[in-house]
mmCIF file of all heavy atoms, coordinates in Angstrom:
data_MODEL
# 
_entry.id   MODEL 
# 
loop_
_atom_site.group_PDB 
_atom_site.id 
_atom_site.type_symbol 
_atom_site.label_atom_id 
_atom_site.label_alt_id 
_atom_site.label_comp_id 
_atom_site.label_asym_id 
_atom_site.label_entity_id 
_atom_site.label_seq_id 
_atom_site.pdbx_PDB_ins_code 
_atom_site.Cartn_x 
_atom_site.Cartn_y 
_atom_site.Cartn_z 
_atom_site.occupancy 
_atom_site.B_iso_or_equiv 
_atom_site.pdbx_formal_charge 
_atom_site.auth_seq_id 
_atom_site.auth_comp_id 
_atom_site.auth_asym_id 
_atom_site.auth_atom_id 
_atom_site.pdbx_PDB_model_num 
ATOM 1   N N   . ALA A 1 1  ? 82.689  76.881  46.433 1.00 0.00 ? 1  ALA A N   1 
ATOM 2   C CA  . ALA A 1 1  ? 84.126  76.734  46.588 1.00 0.00 ? 1  ALA A CA  1 
ATOM 3   C C   . ALA A 1 1  ? 84.898  77.514  45.544 1.00 0.00 ? 1  ALA A C   1 
ATOM 4   O O   . ALA A 1 1  ? 85.896  78.107  45.891 1.00 0.00 ? 1  ALA A O   1 
ATOM 5   C CB  . ALA A 1 1  ? 84.506  75.234  46.461 1.00 0.00 ? 1  ALA A CB  1 
ATOM 6   N N   . LEU A 1 2  ? 84.390  77.451  44.305 1.00 0.00 ? 2  LEU A N   1 
ATOM 7   C CA  . LEU A 1 2  ? 85.072  78.165  43.278 1.00 0.00 ? 2  LEU A CA  1 
ATOM 8   C C   . LEU A 1 2  ? 84.993  79.733  43.548 1.00 0.00 ? 2  LEU A C   1 
ATOM 9   O O   . LEU A 1 2  ? 85.865  80.462  43.271 1.00 0.00 ? 2  LEU A O   1 
ATOM 10  C CB  . LEU A 1 2  ? 84.449  77.902  41.928 1.00 0.00 ? 2  LEU A CB  1 
ATOM 11  C CG  . LEU A 1 2  ? 85.067  78.693  40.681 1.00 0.00 ? 2  LEU A CG  1 
ATOM 12  C CD1 . LEU A 1 2  ? 86.544  78.440  40.554 1.00 0.00 ? 2  LEU A CD1 1 
ATOM 13  C CD2 . LEU A 1 2  ? 84.259  78.316  39.397 1.00 0.00 ? 2  LEU A CD2 1 
ATOM 14  N N   . LYS A 1 3  ? 83.804  80.170  44.009 1.00 0.00 ? 3  LYS A N   1 
ATOM 15  C CA  . LYS A 1 3  ? 83.643  81.613  44.341 1.00 0.00 ? 3  LYS A CA  1 
ATOM 16  C C   . LYS A 1 3  ? 84.641  82.018  45.419 1.00 0.00 ? 3  LYS A C   1 
ATOM 17  O O   . LYS A 1 3  ? 85.268  83.121  45.277 1.00 0.00 ? 3  LYS A O   1 
ATOM 18  C CB  . LYS A 1 3  ? 82.228  81.853  44.737 1.00 0.00 ? 3  LYS A CB  1 
ATOM 19  C CG  . LYS A 1 3  ? 81.164  81.784  43.605 1.00 0.00 ? 3  LYS A CG  1 
ATOM 20  C CD  . LYS A 1 3  ? 79.808  82.100  44.088 1.00 0.00 ? 3  LYS A CD  1 
ATOM 21  C CE  . LYS A 1 3  ? 78.765  82.106  42.951 1.00 0.00 ? 3  LYS A CE  1 
ATOM 22  N NZ  . LYS A 1 3  ? 77.419  82.446  43.376 1.00 0.00 ? 3  LYS A NZ  1 
ATOM 23  N N   . LYS A 1 4  ? 84.780  81.253  46.432 1.00 0.00 ? 4  LYS A N   1 
ATOM 24  C CA  . LYS A 1 4  ? 85.710  81.601  47.535 1.00 0.00 ? 4  LYS A CA  1 
ATOM 25  C C   . LYS A 1 4  ? 87.139  81.587  47.019 1.00 0.00 ? 4  LYS A C   1 
ATOM 26  O O   . LYS A 1 4  ? 87.936  82.428  47.389 1.00 0.00 ? 4  LYS A O   1 
ATOM 27  C CB  . LYS A 1 4  ? 85.560  80.558  48.670 1.00 0.00 ? 4  LYS A CB  1 
ATOM 28  C CG  . LYS A 1 4  ? 84.273  80.699  49.464 1.00 0.00 ? 4  LYS A CG  1 
ATOM 29  C CD  . LYS A 1 4  ? 84.233  79.722  50.558 1.00 0.00 ? 4  LYS A CD  1 
ATOM 30  C CE  . LYS A 1 4  ? 82.890  79.846  51.402 1.00 0.00 ? 4  LYS A CE  1 
ATOM 31  N NZ  . LYS A 1 4  ? 82.904  78.883  52.490 1.00 0.00 ? 4  LYS A NZ  1 
ATOM 32  N N   . GLU A 1 5  ? 87.468  80.590  46.199 1.00 0.00 ? 5  GLU A N   1 
ATOM 33  C CA  . GLU A 1 5  ? 88.875  80.568  45.640 1.00 0.00 ? 5  GLU A CA  1 
ATOM 34  C C   . GLU A 1 5  ? 89.109  81.806  44.687 1.00 0.00 ? 5  GLU A C   1 
ATOM 35  O O   . GLU A 1 5  ? 90.190  82.370  44.710 1.00 0.00 ? 5  GLU A O   1 
ATOM 36  C CB  . GLU A 1 5  ? 89.001  79.278  44.834 1.00 0.00 ? 5  GLU A CB  1 
ATOM 37  C CG  . GLU A 1 5  ? 90.439  79.163  44.237 1.00 0.00 ? 5  GLU A CG  1 
ATOM 38  C CD  . GLU A 1 5  ? 90.637  77.833  43.442 1.00 0.00 ? 5  GLU A CD  1 
ATOM 39  O OE1 . GLU A 1 5  ? 90.302  77.929  42.189 1.00 0.00 ? 5  GLU A OE1 1 
ATOM 40  O OE2 . GLU A 1 5  ? 91.007  76.806  44.002 1.00 0.00 ? 5  GLU A OE2 1 
ATOM 41  N N   . THR A 1 6  ? 88.078  82.211  43.934 1.00 0.00 ? 6  THR A N   1 
ATOM 42  C CA  . THR A 1 6  ? 88.179  83.266  43.009 1.00 0.00 ? 6  THR A CA  1 
ATOM 43  C C   . THR A 1 6  ? 88.488  84.575  43.821 1.00 0.00 ? 6  THR A C   1 
ATOM 44  O O   . THR A 1 6  ? 89.243  85.388  43.445 1.00 0.00 ? 6  THR A O   1 
ATOM 45  C CB  . THR A 1 6  ? 86.978  83.427  42.140 1.00 0.00 ? 6  THR A CB  1 
ATOM 46  O OG1 . THR A 1 6  ? 86.784  82.180  41.385 1.00 0.00 ? 6  THR A OG1 1 
ATOM 47  C CG2 . THR A 1 6  ? 87.114  84.580  41.241 1.00 0.00 ? 6  THR A CG2 1 
ATOM 48  N N   . LEU A 1 7  ? 87.711  84.717  44.917 1.00 0.00 ? 7  LEU A N   1 
ATOM 49  C CA  . LEU A 1 7  ? 87.906  85.929  45.790 1.00 0.00 ? 7  LEU A CA  1 
ATOM 50  C C   . LEU A 1 7  ? 89.417  85.904  46.265 1.00 0.00 ? 7  LEU A C   1 
ATOM 51  O O   . LEU A 1 7  ? 90.034  86.980  46.456 1.00 0.00 ? 7  LEU A O   1 
ATOM 52  C CB  . LEU A 1 7  ? 87.023  85.997  46.895 1.00 0.00 ? 7  LEU A CB  1 
ATOM 53  C CG  . LEU A 1 7  ? 85.566  86.374  46.512 1.00 0.00 ? 7  LEU A CG  1 
ATOM 54  C CD1 . LEU A 1 7  ? 84.605  86.158  47.710 1.00 0.00 ? 7  LEU A CD1 1 
ATOM 55  C CD2 . LEU A 1 7  ? 85.472  87.834  46.101 1.00 0.00 ? 7  LEU A CD2 1 
ATOM 56  N N   . ALA A 1 8  ? 89.882  84.767  46.699 1.00 0.00 ? 8  ALA A N   1 
ATOM 57  C CA  . ALA A 1 8  ? 91.316  84.673  47.222 1.00 0.00 ? 8  ALA A CA  1 
ATOM 58  C C   . ALA A 1 8  ? 92.303  84.999  46.017 1.00 0.00 ? 8  ALA A C   1 
ATOM 59  O O   . ALA A 1 8  ? 93.311  85.635  46.250 1.00 0.00 ? 8  ALA A O   1 
ATOM 60  C CB  . ALA A 1 8  ? 91.553  83.236  47.690 1.00 0.00 ? 8  ALA A CB  1 
ATOM 61  N N   . ASN A 1 9  ? 91.931  84.571  44.768 1.00 0.00 ? 9  ASN A N   1 
ATOM 62  C CA  . ASN A 1 9  ? 92.918  84.845  43.685 1.00 0.00 ? 9  ASN A CA  1 
ATOM 63  C C   . ASN A 1 9  ? 92.902  86.381  43.484 1.00 0.00 ? 9  ASN A C   1 
ATOM 64  O O   . ASN A 1 9  ? 93.957  86.924  43.190 1.00 0.00 ? 9  ASN A O   1 
ATOM 65  C CB  . ASN A 1 9  ? 92.307  84.170  42.367 1.00 0.00 ? 9  ASN A CB  1 
ATOM 66  C CG  . ASN A 1 9  ? 92.560  82.718  42.406 1.00 0.00 ? 9  ASN A CG  1 
ATOM 67  O OD1 . ASN A 1 9  ? 93.216  82.147  43.208 1.00 0.00 ? 9  ASN A OD1 1 
ATOM 68  N ND2 . ASN A 1 9  ? 91.862  82.023  41.496 1.00 0.00 ? 9  ASN A ND2 1 
ATOM 69  N N   . ILE A 1 10 ? 91.749  87.001  43.591 1.00 0.00 ? 10 ILE A N   1 
ATOM 70  C CA  . ILE A 1 10 ? 91.695  88.464  43.355 1.00 0.00 ? 10 ILE A CA  1 
ATOM 71  C C   . ILE A 1 10 ? 92.442  89.136  44.474 1.00 0.00 ? 10 ILE A C   1 
ATOM 72  O O   . ILE A 1 10 ? 93.091  90.214  44.223 1.00 0.00 ? 10 ILE A O   1 
ATOM 73  C CB  . ILE A 1 10 ? 90.284  88.922  43.225 1.00 0.00 ? 10 ILE A CB  1 
ATOM 74  C CG1 . ILE A 1 10 ? 89.624  88.307  41.938 1.00 0.00 ? 10 ILE A CG1 1 
ATOM 75  C CG2 . ILE A 1 10 ? 90.191  90.446  43.094 1.00 0.00 ? 10 ILE A CG2 1 
ATOM 76  C CD1 . ILE A 1 10 ? 88.141  88.530  41.794 1.00 0.00 ? 10 ILE A CD1 1 
ATOM 77  N N   . GLU A 1 11 ? 92.322  88.701  45.705 1.00 0.00 ? 11 GLU A N   1 
ATOM 78  C CA  . GLU A 1 11 ? 93.135  89.324  46.822 1.00 0.00 ? 11 GLU A CA  1 
ATOM 79  C C   . GLU A 1 11 ? 94.573  89.191  46.572 1.00 0.00 ? 11 GLU A C   1 
ATOM 80  O O   . GLU A 1 11 ? 95.308  90.171  46.900 1.00 0.00 ? 11 GLU A O   1 
ATOM 81  C CB  . GLU A 1 11 ? 92.706  88.570  48.120 1.00 0.00 ? 11 GLU A CB  1 
ATOM 82  C CG  . GLU A 1 11 ? 91.334  89.054  48.658 1.00 0.00 ? 11 GLU A CG  1 
ATOM 83  C CD  . GLU A 1 11 ? 91.043  88.287  49.969 1.00 0.00 ? 11 GLU A CD  1 
ATOM 84  O OE1 . GLU A 1 11 ? 91.862  87.558  50.547 1.00 0.00 ? 11 GLU A OE1 1 
ATOM 85  O OE2 . GLU A 1 11 ? 89.954  88.539  50.545 1.00 0.00 ? 11 GLU A OE2 1 
ATOM 86  N N   . PHE A 1 12 ? 94.982  88.102  46.019 1.00 0.00 ? 12 PHE A N   1 
ATOM 87  C CA  . PHE A 1 12 ? 96.398  87.887  45.691 1.00 0.00 ? 12 PHE A CA  1 
ATOM 88  C C   . PHE A 1 12 ? 96.836  88.832  44.610 1.00 0.00 ? 12 PHE A C   1 
ATOM 89  O O   . PHE A 1 12 ? 98.004  89.403  44.668 1.00 0.00 ? 12 PHE A O   1 
ATOM 90  C CB  . PHE A 1 12 ? 96.774  86.466  45.324 1.00 0.00 ? 12 PHE A CB  1 
ATOM 91  C CG  . PHE A 1 12 ? 98.169  86.212  45.059 1.00 0.00 ? 12 PHE A CG  1 
ATOM 92  C CD1 . PHE A 1 12 ? 99.179  86.193  46.080 1.00 0.00 ? 12 PHE A CD1 1 
ATOM 93  C CD2 . PHE A 1 12 ? 98.630  86.013  43.758 1.00 0.00 ? 12 PHE A CD2 1 
ATOM 94  C CE1 . PHE A 1 12 ? 100.502 86.087  45.753 1.00 0.00 ? 12 PHE A CE1 1 
ATOM 95  C CE2 . PHE A 1 12 ? 100.000 85.752  43.491 1.00 0.00 ? 12 PHE A CE2 1 
ATOM 96  C CZ  . PHE A 1 12 ? 100.895 85.863  44.516 1.00 0.00 ? 12 PHE A CZ  1 
ATOM 97  N N   . ILE A 1 13 ? 96.059  88.987  43.643 1.00 0.00 ? 13 ILE A N   1 
ATOM 98  C CA  . ILE A 1 13 ? 96.346  90.022  42.535 1.00 0.00 ? 13 ILE A CA  1 
ATOM 99  C C   . ILE A 1 13 ? 96.526  91.423  43.141 1.00 0.00 ? 13 ILE A C   1 
ATOM 100 O O   . ILE A 1 13 ? 97.433  92.126  42.794 1.00 0.00 ? 13 ILE A O   1 
ATOM 101 C CB  . ILE A 1 13 ? 95.174  90.064  41.472 1.00 0.00 ? 13 ILE A CB  1 
ATOM 102 C CG1 . ILE A 1 13 ? 95.123  88.704  40.728 1.00 0.00 ? 13 ILE A CG1 1 
ATOM 103 C CG2 . ILE A 1 13 ? 95.343  91.177  40.492 1.00 0.00 ? 13 ILE A CG2 1 
ATOM 104 C CD1 . ILE A 1 13 ? 93.873  88.555  39.851 1.00 0.00 ? 13 ILE A CD1 1 
ATOM 105 N N   . ASP A 1 14 ? 95.639  91.800  43.993 1.00 0.00 ? 14 ASP A N   1 
ATOM 106 C CA  . ASP A 1 14 ? 95.684  93.118  44.642 1.00 0.00 ? 14 ASP A CA  1 
ATOM 107 C C   . ASP A 1 14 ? 96.963  93.226  45.487 1.00 0.00 ? 14 ASP A C   1 
ATOM 108 O O   . ASP A 1 14 ? 97.690  94.264  45.379 1.00 0.00 ? 14 ASP A O   1 
ATOM 109 C CB  . ASP A 1 14 ? 94.483  93.272  45.579 1.00 0.00 ? 14 ASP A CB  1 
ATOM 110 C CG  . ASP A 1 14 ? 94.450  94.655  46.145 1.00 0.00 ? 14 ASP A CG  1 
ATOM 111 O OD1 . ASP A 1 14 ? 94.838  95.577  45.486 1.00 0.00 ? 14 ASP A OD1 1 
ATOM 112 O OD2 . ASP A 1 14 ? 93.989  94.848  47.327 1.00 0.00 ? 14 ASP A OD2 1 
ATOM 113 N N   . ALA A 1 15 ? 97.356  92.193  46.189 1.00 0.00 ? 15 ALA A N   1 
ATOM 114 C CA  . ALA A 1 15 ? 98.596  92.306  47.006 1.00 0.00 ? 15 ALA A CA  1 
ATOM 115 C C   . ALA A 1 15 ? 99.906  92.330  46.100 1.00 0.00 ? 15 ALA A C   1 
ATOM 116 O O   . ALA A 1 15 ? 100.804 93.111  46.365 1.00 0.00 ? 15 ALA A O   1 
ATOM 117 C CB  . ALA A 1 15 ? 98.733  91.062  47.937 1.00 0.00 ? 15 ALA A CB  1 
ATOM 118 N N   . LEU A 1 16 ? 99.821  91.546  45.020 1.00 0.00 ? 16 LEU A N   1 
ATOM 119 C CA  . LEU A 1 16 ? 100.930 91.483  44.093 1.00 0.00 ? 16 LEU A CA  1 
ATOM 120 C C   . LEU A 1 16 ? 101.107 92.698  43.122 1.00 0.00 ? 16 LEU A C   1 
ATOM 121 O O   . LEU A 1 16 ? 102.171 93.305  42.912 1.00 0.00 ? 16 LEU A O   1 
ATOM 122 C CB  . LEU A 1 16 ? 100.975 90.222  43.334 1.00 0.00 ? 16 LEU A CB  1 
ATOM 123 C CG  . LEU A 1 16 ? 102.128 89.976  42.329 1.00 0.00 ? 16 LEU A CG  1 
ATOM 124 C CD1 . LEU A 1 16 ? 103.490 89.864  43.174 1.00 0.00 ? 16 LEU A CD1 1 
ATOM 125 C CD2 . LEU A 1 16 ? 101.932 88.781  41.511 1.00 0.00 ? 16 LEU A CD2 1 
ATOM 126 N N   . LEU A 1 17 ? 99.952  93.053  42.547 1.00 0.00 ? 17 LEU A N   1 
ATOM 127 C CA  . LEU A 1 17 ? 99.935  94.018  41.455 1.00 0.00 ? 17 LEU A CA  1 
ATOM 128 C C   . LEU A 1 17 ? 99.242  95.337  41.716 1.00 0.00 ? 17 LEU A C   1 
ATOM 129 O O   . LEU A 1 17 ? 99.374  96.350  41.088 1.00 0.00 ? 17 LEU A O   1 
ATOM 130 C CB  . LEU A 1 17 ? 99.272  93.434  40.217 1.00 0.00 ? 17 LEU A CB  1 
ATOM 131 C CG  . LEU A 1 17 ? 99.962  92.112  39.706 1.00 0.00 ? 17 LEU A CG  1 
ATOM 132 C CD1 . LEU A 1 17 ? 99.232  91.588  38.528 1.00 0.00 ? 17 LEU A CD1 1 
ATOM 133 C CD2 . LEU A 1 17 ? 101.428 92.330  39.363 1.00 0.00 ? 17 LEU A CD2 1 
ATOM 134 N N   . GLY A 1 18 ? 98.517  95.350  42.912 1.00 0.00 ? 18 GLY A N   1 
ATOM 135 C CA  . GLY A 1 18 ? 97.922  96.600  43.407 1.00 0.00 ? 18 GLY A CA  1 
ATOM 136 C C   . GLY A 1 18 ? 96.588  97.033  42.722 1.00 0.00 ? 18 GLY A C   1 
ATOM 137 O O   . GLY A 1 18 ? 96.298  98.170  42.729 1.00 0.00 ? 18 GLY A O   1 
ATOM 138 N N   . PHE A 1 19 ? 95.849  96.057  42.104 1.00 0.00 ? 19 PHE A N   1 
ATOM 139 C CA  . PHE A 1 19 ? 94.522  96.422  41.619 1.00 0.00 ? 19 PHE A CA  1 
ATOM 140 C C   . PHE A 1 19 ? 93.576  95.248  41.883 1.00 0.00 ? 19 PHE A C   1 
ATOM 141 O O   . PHE A 1 19 ? 94.079  94.077  42.121 1.00 0.00 ? 19 PHE A O   1 
ATOM 142 C CB  . PHE A 1 19 ? 94.529  96.700  40.132 1.00 0.00 ? 19 PHE A CB  1 
ATOM 143 C CG  . PHE A 1 19 ? 95.173  95.669  39.234 1.00 0.00 ? 19 PHE A CG  1 
ATOM 144 C CD1 . PHE A 1 19 ? 94.424  94.602  38.838 1.00 0.00 ? 19 PHE A CD1 1 
ATOM 145 C CD2 . PHE A 1 19 ? 96.444  95.719  38.846 1.00 0.00 ? 19 PHE A CD2 1 
ATOM 146 C CE1 . PHE A 1 19 ? 94.878  93.561  37.990 1.00 0.00 ? 19 PHE A CE1 1 
ATOM 147 C CE2 . PHE A 1 19 ? 96.949  94.671  37.960 1.00 0.00 ? 19 PHE A CE2 1 
ATOM 148 C CZ  . PHE A 1 19 ? 96.176  93.662  37.556 1.00 0.00 ? 19 PHE A CZ  1 
ATOM 149 N N   . GLY A 1 20 ? 92.274  95.514  41.929 1.00 0.00 ? 20 GLY A N   1 
ATOM 150 C CA  . GLY A 1 20 ? 91.312  94.547  42.177 1.00 0.00 ? 20 GLY A CA  1 
ATOM 151 C C   . GLY A 1 20 ? 90.777  94.524  43.590 1.00 0.00 ? 20 GLY A C   1 
ATOM 152 O O   . GLY A 1 20 ? 89.920  93.700  43.960 1.00 0.00 ? 20 GLY A O   1 
ATOM 153 N N   . GLY A 1 21 ? 91.220  95.465  44.359 1.00 0.00 ? 21 GLY A N   1 
ATOM 154 C CA  . GLY A 1 21 ? 90.833  95.562  45.831 1.00 0.00 ? 21 GLY A CA  1 
ATOM 155 C C   . GLY A 1 21 ? 89.602  96.296  46.139 1.00 0.00 ? 21 GLY A C   1 
ATOM 156 O O   . GLY A 1 21 ? 89.172  96.294  47.259 1.00 0.00 ? 21 GLY A O   1 
ATOM 157 N N   . LYS A 1 22 ? 89.088  97.039  45.165 1.00 0.00 ? 22 LYS A N   1 
ATOM 158 C CA  . LYS A 1 22 ? 87.818  97.826  45.447 1.00 0.00 ? 22 LYS A CA  1 
ATOM 159 C C   . LYS A 1 22 ? 86.602  96.954  45.600 1.00 0.00 ? 22 LYS A C   1 
ATOM 160 O O   . LYS A 1 22 ? 86.581  95.865  45.046 1.00 0.00 ? 22 LYS A O   1 
ATOM 161 C CB  . LYS A 1 22 ? 87.616  98.877  44.310 1.00 0.00 ? 22 LYS A CB  1 
ATOM 162 C CG  . LYS A 1 22 ? 88.669  100.017 44.227 1.00 0.00 ? 22 LYS A CG  1 
ATOM 163 C CD  . LYS A 1 22 ? 88.270  100.969 43.152 1.00 0.00 ? 22 LYS A CD  1 
ATOM 164 C CE  . LYS A 1 22 ? 89.299  102.004 42.875 1.00 0.00 ? 22 LYS A CE  1 
ATOM 165 N NZ  . LYS A 1 22 ? 89.501  102.912 44.073 1.00 0.00 ? 22 LYS A NZ  1 
ATOM 166 N N   . GLU A 1 23 ? 85.556  97.448  46.240 1.00 0.00 ? 23 GLU A N   1 
ATOM 167 C CA  . GLU A 1 23 ? 84.299  96.819  46.205 1.00 0.00 ? 23 GLU A CA  1 
ATOM 168 C C   . GLU A 1 23 ? 83.763  97.011  44.759 1.00 0.00 ? 23 GLU A C   1 
ATOM 169 O O   . GLU A 1 23 ? 83.770  98.029  44.196 1.00 0.00 ? 23 GLU A O   1 
ATOM 170 C CB  . GLU A 1 23 ? 83.319  97.459  47.213 1.00 0.00 ? 23 GLU A CB  1 
ATOM 171 C CG  . GLU A 1 23 ? 82.056  96.767  47.494 1.00 0.00 ? 23 GLU A CG  1 
ATOM 172 C CD  . GLU A 1 23 ? 81.026  97.113  46.445 1.00 0.00 ? 23 GLU A CD  1 
ATOM 173 O OE1 . GLU A 1 23 ? 80.908  98.279  45.958 1.00 0.00 ? 23 GLU A OE1 1 
ATOM 174 O OE2 . GLU A 1 23 ? 80.349  96.060  46.087 1.00 0.00 ? 23 GLU A OE2 1 
ATOM 175 N N   . PRO A 1 24 ? 83.295  95.893  44.156 1.00 0.00 ? 24 PRO A N   1 
ATOM 176 C CA  . PRO A 1 24 ? 83.081  95.913  42.726 1.00 0.00 ? 24 PRO A CA  1 
ATOM 177 C C   . PRO A 1 24 ? 81.997  96.936  42.286 1.00 0.00 ? 24 PRO A C   1 
ATOM 178 O O   . PRO A 1 24 ? 82.157  97.600  41.244 1.00 0.00 ? 24 PRO A O   1 
ATOM 179 C CB  . PRO A 1 24 ? 82.548  94.470  42.393 1.00 0.00 ? 24 PRO A CB  1 
ATOM 180 C CG  . PRO A 1 24 ? 82.269  93.859  43.691 1.00 0.00 ? 24 PRO A CG  1 
ATOM 181 C CD  . PRO A 1 24 ? 83.112  94.505  44.686 1.00 0.00 ? 24 PRO A CD  1 
ATOM 182 N N   . PHE A 1 25 ? 80.902  97.110  43.094 1.00 0.00 ? 25 PHE A N   1 
ATOM 183 C CA  . PHE A 1 25 ? 79.916  98.109  42.627 1.00 0.00 ? 25 PHE A CA  1 
ATOM 184 C C   . PHE A 1 25 ? 80.480  99.497  42.712 1.00 0.00 ? 25 PHE A C   1 
ATOM 185 O O   . PHE A 1 25 ? 80.147  100.350 41.877 1.00 0.00 ? 25 PHE A O   1 
ATOM 186 C CB  . PHE A 1 25 ? 78.632  97.966  43.473 1.00 0.00 ? 25 PHE A CB  1 
ATOM 187 C CG  . PHE A 1 25 ? 77.669  96.911  42.906 1.00 0.00 ? 25 PHE A CG  1 
ATOM 188 C CD1 . PHE A 1 25 ? 77.766  95.593  43.405 1.00 0.00 ? 25 PHE A CD1 1 
ATOM 189 C CD2 . PHE A 1 25 ? 76.792  97.244  41.993 1.00 0.00 ? 25 PHE A CD2 1 
ATOM 190 C CE1 . PHE A 1 25 ? 76.929  94.623  42.852 1.00 0.00 ? 25 PHE A CE1 1 
ATOM 191 C CE2 . PHE A 1 25 ? 75.925  96.213  41.487 1.00 0.00 ? 25 PHE A CE2 1 
ATOM 192 C CZ  . PHE A 1 25 ? 76.025  94.904  41.927 1.00 0.00 ? 25 PHE A CZ  1 
ATOM 193 N N   . SER A 1 26 ? 81.207  99.810  43.733 1.00 0.00 ? 26 SER A N   1 
ATOM 194 C CA  . SER A 1 26 ? 81.865  101.206 43.813 1.00 0.00 ? 26 SER A CA  1 
ATOM 195 C C   . SER A 1 26 ? 82.801  101.424 42.727 1.00 0.00 ? 26 SER A C   1 
ATOM 196 O O   . SER A 1 26 ? 83.006  102.514 42.176 1.00 0.00 ? 26 SER A O   1 
ATOM 197 C CB  . SER A 1 26 ? 82.533  101.376 45.244 1.00 0.00 ? 26 SER A CB  1 
ATOM 198 O OG  . SER A 1 26 ? 83.615  100.508 45.313 1.00 0.00 ? 26 SER A OG  1 
ATOM 199 N N   . TYR A 1 27 ? 83.489  100.311 42.222 1.00 0.00 ? 27 TYR A N   1 
ATOM 200 C CA  . TYR A 1 27 ? 84.396  100.452 41.101 1.00 0.00 ? 27 TYR A CA  1 
ATOM 201 C C   . TYR A 1 27 ? 83.631  100.937 39.880 1.00 0.00 ? 27 TYR A C   1 
ATOM 202 O O   . TYR A 1 27 ? 84.093  101.847 39.137 1.00 0.00 ? 27 TYR A O   1 
ATOM 203 C CB  . TYR A 1 27 ? 85.079  99.115  40.832 1.00 0.00 ? 27 TYR A CB  1 
ATOM 204 C CG  . TYR A 1 27 ? 85.854  99.086  39.530 1.00 0.00 ? 27 TYR A CG  1 
ATOM 205 C CD1 . TYR A 1 27 ? 87.141  99.679  39.429 1.00 0.00 ? 27 TYR A CD1 1 
ATOM 206 C CD2 . TYR A 1 27 ? 85.324  98.620  38.332 1.00 0.00 ? 27 TYR A CD2 1 
ATOM 207 C CE1 . TYR A 1 27 ? 87.800  99.669  38.171 1.00 0.00 ? 27 TYR A CE1 1 
ATOM 208 C CE2 . TYR A 1 27 ? 85.976  98.653  37.102 1.00 0.00 ? 27 TYR A CE2 1 
ATOM 209 C CZ  . TYR A 1 27 ? 87.196  99.177  37.086 1.00 0.00 ? 27 TYR A CZ  1 
ATOM 210 O OH  . TYR A 1 27 ? 87.910  99.170  35.864 1.00 0.00 ? 27 TYR A OH  1 
ATOM 211 N N   . PHE A 1 28 ? 82.411  100.364 39.664 1.00 0.00 ? 28 PHE A N   1 
ATOM 212 C CA  . PHE A 1 28 ? 81.656  100.694 38.436 1.00 0.00 ? 28 PHE A CA  1 
ATOM 213 C C   . PHE A 1 28 ? 80.895  101.976 38.645 1.00 0.00 ? 28 PHE A C   1 
ATOM 214 O O   . PHE A 1 28 ? 80.159  102.364 37.791 1.00 0.00 ? 28 PHE A O   1 
ATOM 215 C CB  . PHE A 1 28 ? 80.753  99.548  38.133 1.00 0.00 ? 28 PHE A CB  1 
ATOM 216 C CG  . PHE A 1 28 ? 81.468  98.390  37.456 1.00 0.00 ? 28 PHE A CG  1 
ATOM 217 C CD1 . PHE A 1 28 ? 81.606  97.209  38.210 1.00 0.00 ? 28 PHE A CD1 1 
ATOM 218 C CD2 . PHE A 1 28 ? 82.002  98.463  36.291 1.00 0.00 ? 28 PHE A CD2 1 
ATOM 219 C CE1 . PHE A 1 28 ? 82.274  96.164  37.622 1.00 0.00 ? 28 PHE A CE1 1 
ATOM 220 C CE2 . PHE A 1 28 ? 82.700  97.401  35.670 1.00 0.00 ? 28 PHE A CE2 1 
ATOM 221 C CZ  . PHE A 1 28 ? 82.867  96.192  36.410 1.00 0.00 ? 28 PHE A CZ  1 
# 
């Protein structure tokens, strides 16, 4: 449940601030 909520939090960050939307391994 926490993992799903965290993904939703990151999606909201991406929509609001424009970062966090990449696939994490490709980011690194």
